Amino acid sequence: MKTALTVIFGIVCVVIVVLVLFQEAKDNGLGSLAGSAANETYWSKNKGRSKEAYLVLATAIAVAIFLIIALLLSSKFLN
């Protein structure tokens, strides 16, 4: 059981890394320091139904799975 959870844990780690790398940056880099205003575009208004929203949701689910497996692996029930 511990070996299977360890393998799944490694796979979930790789999935989290890939999901985070696919996400777009939320800031404007150094342009945000100058106080540039955020543009109201069709893309920004409908961001909740976009690919980015699904990536954020998938990342949150993967992190929850990661934490649950980490707690299971660190518990004394599997030792």
C-alpha atoms as a PDB file:
ATOM      1  CA  MET A   1       0.000   0.000   0.000  1.00  0.00           C
ATOM      2  CA  LYS A   2       2.810   2.400   0.904  1.00  0.00           C
ATOM      3  CA  THR A   3       4.598   1.709  -2.405  1.00  0.00           C
ATOM      4  CA  ALA A   4       1.457   2.388  -4.423  1.00  0.00           C
ATOM      5  CA  LEU A   5       0.829   5.663  -2.573  1.00  0.00           C
ATOM      6  CA  THR A   6       4.443   6.694  -3.118  1.00  0.00           C
ATOM      7  CA  VAL A   7       4.146   6.109  -6.873  1.00  0.00           C
ATOM      8  CA  ILE A   8       0.859   8.031  -7.020  1.00  0.00           C
ATOM      9  CA  PHE A   9       2.470  10.784  -4.936  1.00  0.00           C
ATOM     10  CA  GLY A  10       5.278  11.138  -7.490  1.00  0.00           C
ATOM     11  CA  ILE A  11       2.815  11.260 -10.376  1.00  0.00           C
ATOM     12  CA  VAL A  12       0.743  13.929  -8.623  1.00  0.00           C
ATOM     13  CA  CYS A  13       3.921  15.967  -8.031  1.00  0.00           C
ATOM     14  CA  VAL A  14       4.728  15.929 -11.744  1.00  0.00           C
ATOM     15  CA  VAL A  15       1.118  16.825 -12.625  1.00  0.00           C
ATOM     16  CA  ILE A  16       1.221  19.837 -10.276  1.00  0.00           C
ATOM     17  CA  VAL A  17       4.457  21.073 -11.832  1.00  0.00           C
ATOM     18  CA  VAL A  18       3.018  20.755 -15.349  1.00  0.00           C
ATOM     19  CA  LEU A  19      -0.244  22.490 -14.402  1.00  0.00           C
ATOM     20  CA  VAL A  20       1.585  25.397 -12.777  1.00  0.00           C
ATOM     21  CA  LEU A  21       3.860  25.807 -15.795  1.00  0.00           C
ATOM     22  CA  PHE A  22       0.861  25.942 -18.149  1.00  0.00           C
ATOM     23  CA  GLN A  23      -0.772  28.794 -16.239  1.00  0.00           C
ATOM     24  CA  GLU A  24      -0.362  32.385 -17.351  1.00  0.00           C
ATOM     25  CA  ALA A  25       1.281  34.997 -15.160  1.00  0.00           C
ATOM     26  CA  LYS A  26      -1.150  37.137 -13.189  1.00  0.00           C
ATOM     27  CA  ASP A  27       0.976  40.280 -13.184  1.00  0.00           C
ATOM     28  CA  ASN A  28       2.428  42.561 -15.835  1.00  0.00           C
ATOM     29  CA  GLY A  29       6.022  42.131 -14.738  1.00  0.00           C
ATOM     30  CA  LEU A  30       7.824  45.397 -14.084  1.00  0.00           C
ATOM     31  CA  GLY A  31       4.990  47.317 -15.755  1.00  0.00           C
ATOM     32  CA  SER A  32       2.838  46.715 -12.680  1.00  0.00           C
ATOM     33  CA  LEU A  33       5.264  48.760 -10.579  1.00  0.00           C
ATOM     34  CA  ALA A  34       4.453  51.900 -12.556  1.00  0.00           C
ATOM     35  CA  GLY A  35       0.746  51.516 -11.810  1.00  0.00           C
ATOM     36  CA  SER A  36      -0.506  50.606 -15.250  1.00  0.00           C
ATOM     37  CA  ALA A  37      -4.270  50.120 -15.352  1.00  0.00           C
ATOM     38  CA  ALA A  38      -5.785  46.713 -16.042  1.00  0.00           C
ATOM     39  CA  ASN A  39      -7.445  46.480 -19.450  1.00  0.00           C
ATOM     40  CA  GLU A  40     -11.088  45.427 -19.635  1.00  0.00           C
ATOM     41  CA  THR A  41     -11.220  42.946 -22.467  1.00  0.00           C
ATOM     42  CA  TYR A  42     -13.553  40.171 -23.488  1.00  0.00           C
ATOM     43  CA  TRP A  43     -10.930  37.687 -22.306  1.00  0.00           C
ATOM     44  CA  SER A  44     -10.672  39.210 -18.821  1.00  0.00           C
ATOM     45  CA  LYS A  45     -14.460  39.466 -18.403  1.00  0.00           C
ATOM     46  CA  ASN A  46     -15.030  35.790 -19.295  1.00  0.00           C
ATOM     47  CA  LYS A  47     -12.014  34.345 -17.533  1.00  0.00           C
ATOM     48  CA  GLY A  48     -14.169  32.120 -15.302  1.00  0.00           C
ATOM     49  CA  ARG A  49     -15.125  29.966 -18.296  1.00  0.00           C
ATOM     50  CA  SER A  50     -11.715  29.866 -19.914  1.00  0.00           C
ATOM     51  CA  LYS A  51      -8.878  27.375 -20.162  1.00  0.00           C
ATOM     52  CA  GLU A  52      -7.096  29.316 -17.420  1.00  0.00           C
ATOM     53  CA  ALA A  53      -9.988  28.759 -15.012  1.00  0.00           C
ATOM     54  CA  TYR A  54      -9.887  25.021 -15.668  1.00  0.00           C
ATOM     55  CA  LEU A  55      -6.131  24.986 -15.075  1.00  0.00           C
ATOM     56  CA  VAL A  56      -6.586  26.767 -11.740  1.00  0.00           C
ATOM     57  CA  LEU A  57      -9.293  24.302 -10.717  1.00  0.00           C
ATOM     58  CA  ALA A  58      -7.217  21.302 -11.783  1.00  0.00           C
ATOM     59  CA  THR A  59      -4.241  22.677  -9.843  1.00  0.00           C
ATOM     60  CA  ALA A  60      -6.337  23.099  -6.699  1.00  0.00           C
ATOM     61  CA  ILE A  61      -7.633  19.532  -6.971  1.00  0.00           C
ATOM     62  CA  ALA A  62      -4.134  18.156  -7.572  1.00  0.00           C
ATOM     63  CA  VAL A  63      -2.781  20.049  -4.556  1.00  0.00           C
ATOM     64  CA  ALA A  64      -5.600  18.681  -2.381  1.00  0.00           C
ATOM     65  CA  ILE A  65      -4.757  15.135  -3.527  1.00  0.00           C
ATOM     66  CA  PHE A  66      -1.075  15.866  -2.878  1.00  0.00           C
ATOM     67  CA  LEU A  67      -1.788  16.976   0.693  1.00  0.00           C
ATOM     68  CA  ILE A  68      -4.020  13.991   1.440  1.00  0.00           C
ATOM     69  CA  ILE A  69      -1.429  11.522   0.157  1.00  0.00           C
ATOM     70  CA  ALA A  70       1.343  13.350   2.046  1.00  0.00           C
ATOM     71  CA  LEU A  71      -0.650  13.048   5.262  1.00  0.00           C
ATOM     72  CA  LEU A  72      -1.333   9.375   4.618  1.00  0.00           C
ATOM     73  CA  LEU A  73       2.317   8.648   3.914  1.00  0.00           C
ATOM     74  CA  SER A  74       3.439  10.455   7.051  1.00  0.00           C
ATOM     75  CA  SER A  75       0.883   8.794   9.293  1.00  0.00           C
ATOM     76  CA  LYS A  76       1.742   5.832  11.476  1.00  0.00           C
ATOM     77  CA  PHE A  77      -1.053   3.700   9.985  1.00  0.00           C
ATOM     78  CA  LEU A  78       1.050   2.708   6.986  1.00  0.00           C
ATOM     79  CA  ASN A  79       4.301   2.037   8.857  1.00  0.00           C
END
